[in-house]
PDB file of N, CA and C in Angstrom:
ATOM      1  N   UNK A   1      -9.032 -16.919 -14.807  1.00  0.00           N
ATOM      2  CA  UNK A   1      -8.548 -16.454 -16.095  1.00  0.00           C
ATOM      3  C   UNK A   1      -7.414 -15.529 -15.734  1.00  0.00           C
ATOM      4  N   UNK A   2      -6.170 -15.913 -16.270  1.00  0.00           N
ATOM      5  CA  UNK A   2      -5.085 -14.997 -15.847  1.00  0.00           C
ATOM      6  C   UNK A   2      -5.082 -13.646 -16.810  1.00  0.00           C
ATOM      7  N   UNK A   3      -4.480 -12.617 -16.124  1.00  0.00           N
ATOM      8  CA  UNK A   3      -4.338 -11.391 -16.809  1.00  0.00           C
ATOM      9  C   UNK A   3      -3.140 -11.199 -17.488  1.00  0.00           C
ATOM     10  N   UNK A   4      -3.101 -10.763 -18.748  1.00  0.00           N
ATOM     11  CA  UNK A   4      -1.912 -10.623 -19.520  1.00  0.00           C
ATOM     12  C   UNK A   4      -1.319  -9.181 -19.099  1.00  0.00           C
ATOM     13  N   UNK A   5      -0.014  -9.084 -19.107  1.00  0.00           N
ATOM     14  CA  UNK A   5       0.643  -7.942 -18.750  1.00  0.00           C
ATOM     15  C   UNK A   5       0.388  -6.845 -19.887  1.00  0.00           C
ATOM     16  N   UNK A   6       0.123  -5.488 -19.362  1.00  0.00           N
ATOM     17  CA  UNK A   6      -0.098  -4.468 -20.400  1.00  0.00           C
ATOM     18  C   UNK A   6       1.172  -3.929 -21.032  1.00  0.00           C
ATOM     19  N   UNK A   7       0.953  -3.460 -22.245  1.00  0.00           N
ATOM     20  CA  UNK A   7       2.252  -2.907 -22.885  1.00  0.00           C
ATOM     21  C   UNK A   7       2.223  -1.436 -22.500  1.00  0.00           C
ATOM     22  N   UNK A   8       3.294  -0.789 -22.996  1.00  0.00           N
ATOM     23  CA  UNK A   8       3.424   0.514 -22.504  1.00  0.00           C
ATOM     24  C   UNK A   8       2.301   1.557 -22.980  1.00  0.00           C
ATOM     25  N   UNK A   9       1.577   1.350 -24.060  1.00  0.00           N
ATOM     26  CA  UNK A   9       0.586   2.209 -24.560  1.00  0.00           C
ATOM     27  C   UNK A   9      -0.678   1.994 -23.842  1.00  0.00           C
ATOM     28  N   UNK A  10      -0.936   0.619 -23.507  1.00  0.00           N
ATOM     29  CA  UNK A  10      -2.135   0.303 -22.669  1.00  0.00           C
ATOM     30  C   UNK A  10      -2.005   0.830 -21.149  1.00  0.00           C
ATOM     31  N   UNK A  11      -0.709   0.753 -20.613  1.00  0.00           N
ATOM     32  CA  UNK A  11      -0.527   1.334 -19.380  1.00  0.00           C
ATOM     33  C   UNK A  11      -0.670   2.878 -19.366  1.00  0.00           C
ATOM     34  N   UNK A  12      -0.207   3.461 -20.261  1.00  0.00           N
ATOM     35  CA  UNK A  12      -0.353   4.862 -20.523  1.00  0.00           C
ATOM     36  C   UNK A  12      -1.886   5.375 -20.532  1.00  0.00           C
ATOM     37  N   UNK A  13      -2.598   4.660 -21.422  1.00  0.00           N
ATOM     38  CA  UNK A  13      -4.050   4.809 -21.535  1.00  0.00           C
ATOM     39  C   UNK A  13      -4.824   4.551 -20.320  1.00  0.00           C
ATOM     40  N   UNK A  14      -4.485   3.481 -19.528  1.00  0.00           N
ATOM     41  CA  UNK A  14      -5.126   3.178 -18.325  1.00  0.00           C
ATOM     42  C   UNK A  14      -4.841   4.262 -17.174  1.00  0.00           C
ATOM     43  N   UNK A  15      -3.569   4.769 -17.144  1.00  0.00           N
ATOM     44  CA  UNK A  15      -3.179   5.846 -16.170  1.00  0.00           C
ATOM     45  C   UNK A  15      -4.008   7.002 -16.559  1.00  0.00           C
ATOM     46  N   UNK A  16      -4.091   7.384 -17.878  1.00  0.00           N
ATOM     47  CA  UNK A  16      -4.910   8.589 -18.227  1.00  0.00           C
ATOM     48  C   UNK A  16      -6.360   8.468 -17.799  1.00  0.00           C
ATOM     49  N   UNK A  17      -6.905   7.338 -18.067  1.00  0.00           N
ATOM     50  CA  UNK A  17      -8.335   7.142 -17.782  1.00  0.00           C
ATOM     51  C   UNK A  17      -8.538   7.272 -16.221  1.00  0.00           C
ATOM     52  N   UNK A  18      -7.534   6.639 -15.561  1.00  0.00           N
ATOM     53  CA  UNK A  18      -7.761   6.637 -13.948  1.00  0.00           C
ATOM     54  C   UNK A  18      -7.524   8.096 -13.574  1.00  0.00           C
ATOM     55  N   UNK A  19      -6.677   8.850 -14.142  1.00  0.00           N
ATOM     56  CA  UNK A  19      -6.429  10.215 -13.704  1.00  0.00           C
ATOM     57  C   UNK A  19      -7.714  11.062 -13.960  1.00  0.00           C
ATOM     58  N   UNK A  20      -8.221  10.831 -15.102  1.00  0.00           N
ATOM     59  CA  UNK A  20      -9.481  11.659 -15.523  1.00  0.00           C
ATOM     60  C   UNK A  20     -10.647  11.274 -14.437  1.00  0.00           C
ATOM     61  N   UNK A  21     -10.816  10.073 -14.245  1.00  0.00           N
ATOM     62  CA  UNK A  21     -11.797   9.741 -13.245  1.00  0.00           C
ATOM     63  C   UNK A  21     -11.532  10.245 -11.826  1.00  0.00           C
ATOM     64  N   UNK A  22     -10.339  10.298 -11.413  1.00  0.00           N
ATOM     65  CA  UNK A  22      -9.982  10.761 -10.150  1.00  0.00           C
ATOM     66  C   UNK A  22     -10.121  12.357 -10.088  1.00  0.00           C
ATOM     67  N   UNK A  23      -9.839  12.968 -11.097  1.00  0.00           N
ATOM     68  CA  UNK A  23      -9.992  14.403 -11.181  1.00  0.00           C
ATOM     69  C   UNK A  23     -11.542  14.755 -11.246  1.00  0.00           C
ATOM     70  N   UNK A  24     -12.279  14.037 -11.912  1.00  0.00           N
ATOM     71  CA  UNK A  24     -13.758  14.277 -11.973  1.00  0.00           C
ATOM     72  C   UNK A  24     -14.308  14.027 -10.585  1.00  0.00           C
ATOM     73  N   UNK A  25     -13.859  12.948  -9.965  1.00  0.00           N
ATOM     74  CA  UNK A  25     -14.349  12.646  -8.680  1.00  0.00           C
ATOM     75  C   UNK A  25     -14.084  13.753  -7.622  1.00  0.00           C
ATOM     76  N   UNK A  26     -12.838  14.221  -7.785  1.00  0.00           N
ATOM     77  CA  UNK A  26     -12.351  15.338  -6.770  1.00  0.00           C
ATOM     78  C   UNK A  26     -13.073  16.677  -7.146  1.00  0.00           C
ATOM     79  N   UNK A  27     -13.278  16.927  -8.407  1.00  0.00           N
ATOM     80  CA  UNK A  27     -14.098  18.205  -8.691  1.00  0.00           C
ATOM     81  C   UNK A  27     -15.414  18.090  -8.178  1.00  0.00           C
ATOM     82  N   UNK A  28     -16.092  16.963  -8.408  1.00  0.00           N
ATOM     83  CA  UNK A  28     -17.463  16.810  -7.869  1.00  0.00           C
ATOM     84  C   UNK A  28     -17.476  16.979  -6.286  1.00  0.00           C
ATOM     85  N   UNK A  29     -16.464  16.384  -5.650  1.00  0.00           N
ATOM     86  CA  UNK A  29     -16.389  16.372  -4.233  1.00  0.00           C
ATOM     87  C   UNK A  29     -16.183  17.894  -3.758  1.00  0.00           C
ATOM     88  N   UNK A  30     -15.428  18.681  -4.358  1.00  0.00           N
ATOM     89  CA  UNK A  30     -15.189  20.006  -4.026  1.00  0.00           C
ATOM     90  C   UNK A  30     -16.501  20.780  -4.178  1.00  0.00           C
ATOM     91  N   UNK A  31     -17.116  20.569  -5.476  1.00  0.00           N
ATOM     92  CA  UNK A  31     -18.402  21.320  -5.686  1.00  0.00           C
ATOM     93  C   UNK A  31     -19.434  20.961  -4.578  1.00  0.00           C
ATOM     94  N   UNK A  32     -19.514  19.737  -4.146  1.00  0.00           N
ATOM     95  CA  UNK A  32     -20.591  19.380  -3.146  1.00  0.00           C
ATOM     96  C   UNK A  32     -20.168  20.079  -1.829  1.00  0.00           C
ATOM     97  N   UNK A  33     -18.903  19.965  -1.483  1.00  0.00           N
ATOM     98  CA  UNK A  33     -18.413  20.646  -0.217  1.00  0.00           C
ATOM     99  C   UNK A  33     -18.759  22.102  -0.338  1.00  0.00           C
ATOM    100  N   UNK A  34     -18.470  22.815  -1.436  1.00  0.00           N
ATOM    101  CA  UNK A  34     -18.728  24.202  -1.616  1.00  0.00           C
ATOM    102  C   UNK A  34     -20.235  24.508  -1.438  1.00  0.00           C
ATOM    103  N   UNK A  35     -21.123  23.709  -1.991  1.00  0.00           N
ATOM    104  CA  UNK A  35     -22.503  24.032  -1.998  1.00  0.00           C
ATOM    105  C   UNK A  35     -23.169  23.614  -0.582  1.00  0.00           C
ATOM    106  N   UNK A  36     -22.651  22.732   0.179  1.00  0.00           N
ATOM    107  CA  UNK A  36     -23.142  22.413   1.374  1.00  0.00           C
ATOM    108  C   UNK A  36     -22.684  23.555   2.482  1.00  0.00           C
ATOM    109  N   UNK A  37     -21.673  24.258   2.164  1.00  0.00           N
ATOM    110  CA  UNK A  37     -21.240  25.323   3.070  1.00  0.00           C
ATOM    111  C   UNK A  37     -22.179  26.565   2.931  1.00  0.00           C
ATOM    112  N   UNK A  38     -22.924  26.631   1.839  1.00  0.00           N
ATOM    113  CA  UNK A  38     -23.698  27.823   1.574  1.00  0.00           C
ATOM    114  C   UNK A  38     -24.850  27.768   2.649  1.00  0.00           C
ATOM    115  N   UNK A  39     -25.213  28.980   3.121  1.00  0.00           N
ATOM    116  CA  UNK A  39     -26.271  29.145   4.182  1.00  0.00           C
ATOM    117  C   UNK A  39     -27.620  28.465   3.713  1.00  0.00           C
ATOM    118  N   UNK A  40     -27.896  28.582   2.551  1.00  0.00           N
ATOM    119  CA  UNK A  40     -29.202  27.942   1.840  1.00  0.00           C
ATOM    120  C   UNK A  40     -28.783  27.069   0.664  1.00  0.00           C
ATOM    121  N   UNK A  41     -28.379  25.838   1.015  1.00  0.00           N
ATOM    122  CA  UNK A  41     -27.797  24.991   0.008  1.00  0.00           C
ATOM    123  C   UNK A  41     -28.892  24.467  -0.881  1.00  0.00           C
ATOM    124  N   UNK A  42     -28.589  24.300  -2.198  1.00  0.00           N
ATOM    125  CA  UNK A  42     -29.495  23.774  -3.131  1.00  0.00           C
ATOM    126  C   UNK A  42     -29.529  22.169  -2.974  1.00  0.00           C
ATOM    127  N   UNK A  43     -30.459  21.699  -2.272  1.00  0.00           N
ATOM    128  CA  UNK A  43     -30.410  20.242  -1.866  1.00  0.00           C
ATOM    129  C   UNK A  43     -30.645  19.425  -3.154  1.00  0.00           C
ATOM    130  N   UNK A  44     -31.466  19.860  -4.203  1.00  0.00           N
ATOM    131  CA  UNK A  44     -31.643  19.070  -5.359  1.00  0.00           C
ATOM    132  C   UNK A  44     -30.370  19.020  -6.166  1.00  0.00           C
ATOM    133  N   UNK A  45     -29.572  20.031  -6.214  1.00  0.00           N
ATOM    134  CA  UNK A  45     -28.306  20.173  -7.049  1.00  0.00           C
ATOM    135  C   UNK A  45     -27.275  19.254  -6.300  1.00  0.00           C
ATOM    136  N   UNK A  46     -27.241  19.348  -5.011  1.00  0.00           N
ATOM    137  CA  UNK A  46     -26.277  18.476  -4.232  1.00  0.00           C
ATOM    138  C   UNK A  46     -26.617  16.997  -4.356  1.00  0.00           C
ATOM    139  N   UNK A  47     -27.891  16.658  -4.347  1.00  0.00           N
ATOM    140  CA  UNK A  47     -28.266  15.139  -4.546  1.00  0.00           C
ATOM    141  C   UNK A  47     -27.873  14.810  -5.971  1.00  0.00           C
ATOM    142  N   UNK A  48     -28.076  15.657  -7.004  1.00  0.00           N
ATOM    143  CA  UNK A  48     -27.585  15.265  -8.375  1.00  0.00           C
ATOM    144  C   UNK A  48     -26.209  15.147  -8.499  1.00  0.00           C
ATOM    145  N   UNK A  49     -25.395  16.048  -7.847  1.00  0.00           N
ATOM    146  CA  UNK A  49     -23.917  15.898  -7.881  1.00  0.00           C
ATOM    147  C   UNK A  49     -23.441  14.654  -7.247  1.00  0.00           C
ATOM    148  N   UNK A  50     -24.167  14.363  -6.101  1.00  0.00           N
ATOM    149  CA  UNK A  50     -23.723  13.186  -5.401  1.00  0.00           C
ATOM    150  C   UNK A  50     -24.030  11.972  -6.212  1.00  0.00           C
ATOM    151  N   UNK A  51     -25.176  11.957  -6.834  1.00  0.00           N
ATOM    152  CA  UNK A  51     -25.470  10.806  -7.730  1.00  0.00           C
ATOM    153  C   UNK A  51     -24.469  10.624  -8.880  1.00  0.00           C
ATOM    154  N   UNK A  52     -24.073  11.755  -9.491  1.00  0.00           N
ATOM    155  CA  UNK A  52     -23.171  11.781 -10.565  1.00  0.00           C
ATOM    156  C   UNK A  52     -21.758  11.332 -10.079  1.00  0.00           C
ATOM    157  N   UNK A  53     -21.418  11.593  -8.833  1.00  0.00           N
ATOM    158  CA  UNK A  53     -20.142  11.096  -8.203  1.00  0.00           C
ATOM    159  C   UNK A  53     -20.217   9.688  -8.105  1.00  0.00           C
ATOM    160  N   UNK A  54     -21.356   8.974  -7.664  1.00  0.00           N
ATOM    161  CA  UNK A  54     -21.472   7.599  -7.466  1.00  0.00           C
ATOM    162  C   UNK A  54     -21.324   6.939  -8.823  1.00  0.00           C
ATOM    163  N   UNK A  55     -21.968   7.548  -9.865  1.00  0.00           N
ATOM    164  CA  UNK A  55     -21.853   6.896 -11.241  1.00  0.00           C
ATOM    165  C   UNK A  55     -20.542   7.031 -11.748  1.00  0.00           C
ATOM    166  N   UNK A  56     -19.858   7.991 -11.592  1.00  0.00           N
ATOM    167  CA  UNK A  56     -18.411   8.102 -11.941  1.00  0.00           C
ATOM    168  C   UNK A  56     -17.555   6.946 -11.079  1.00  0.00           C
ATOM    169  N   UNK A  57     -17.865   6.921  -9.847  1.00  0.00           N
ATOM    170  CA  UNK A  57     -17.027   5.863  -9.028  1.00  0.00           C
ATOM    171  C   UNK A  57     -17.357   4.499  -9.509  1.00  0.00           C
ATOM    172  N   UNK A  58     -18.483   4.105 -10.062  1.00  0.00           N
ATOM    173  CA  UNK A  58     -18.737   2.829 -10.551  1.00  0.00           C
ATOM    174  C   UNK A  58     -18.474   2.595 -12.067  1.00  0.00           C
ATOM    175  N   UNK A  59     -17.956   3.610 -12.662  1.00  0.00           N
ATOM    176  CA  UNK A  59     -17.622   3.573 -14.177  1.00  0.00           C
ATOM    177  C   UNK A  59     -16.374   2.608 -14.194  1.00  0.00           C
ATOM    178  N   UNK A  60     -16.580   1.556 -15.021  1.00  0.00           N
ATOM    179  CA  UNK A  60     -15.321   0.932 -15.197  1.00  0.00           C
ATOM    180  C   UNK A  60     -14.229   1.484 -16.116  1.00  0.00           C
ATOM    181  N   UNK A  61     -13.000   0.973 -15.859  1.00  0.00           N
ATOM    182  CA  UNK A  61     -11.792   1.612 -16.610  1.00  0.00           C
ATOM    183  C   UNK A  61     -11.740   0.934 -18.004  1.00  0.00           C
TER     184      UNK A  61
END
């Protein structure tokens, strides 16, 4: 099935969605890194954040 070209509005919306997903992924990555550097890391919170990061990664645009 061929893909139709996006118009300017659709391209703008797509880029905004992609930007939001990338920023969310980056923020979660930074939070996980910060928590793992703690001498007594909260393993449950780290697991939850990693799971949220995977969900975000698998989210369709």
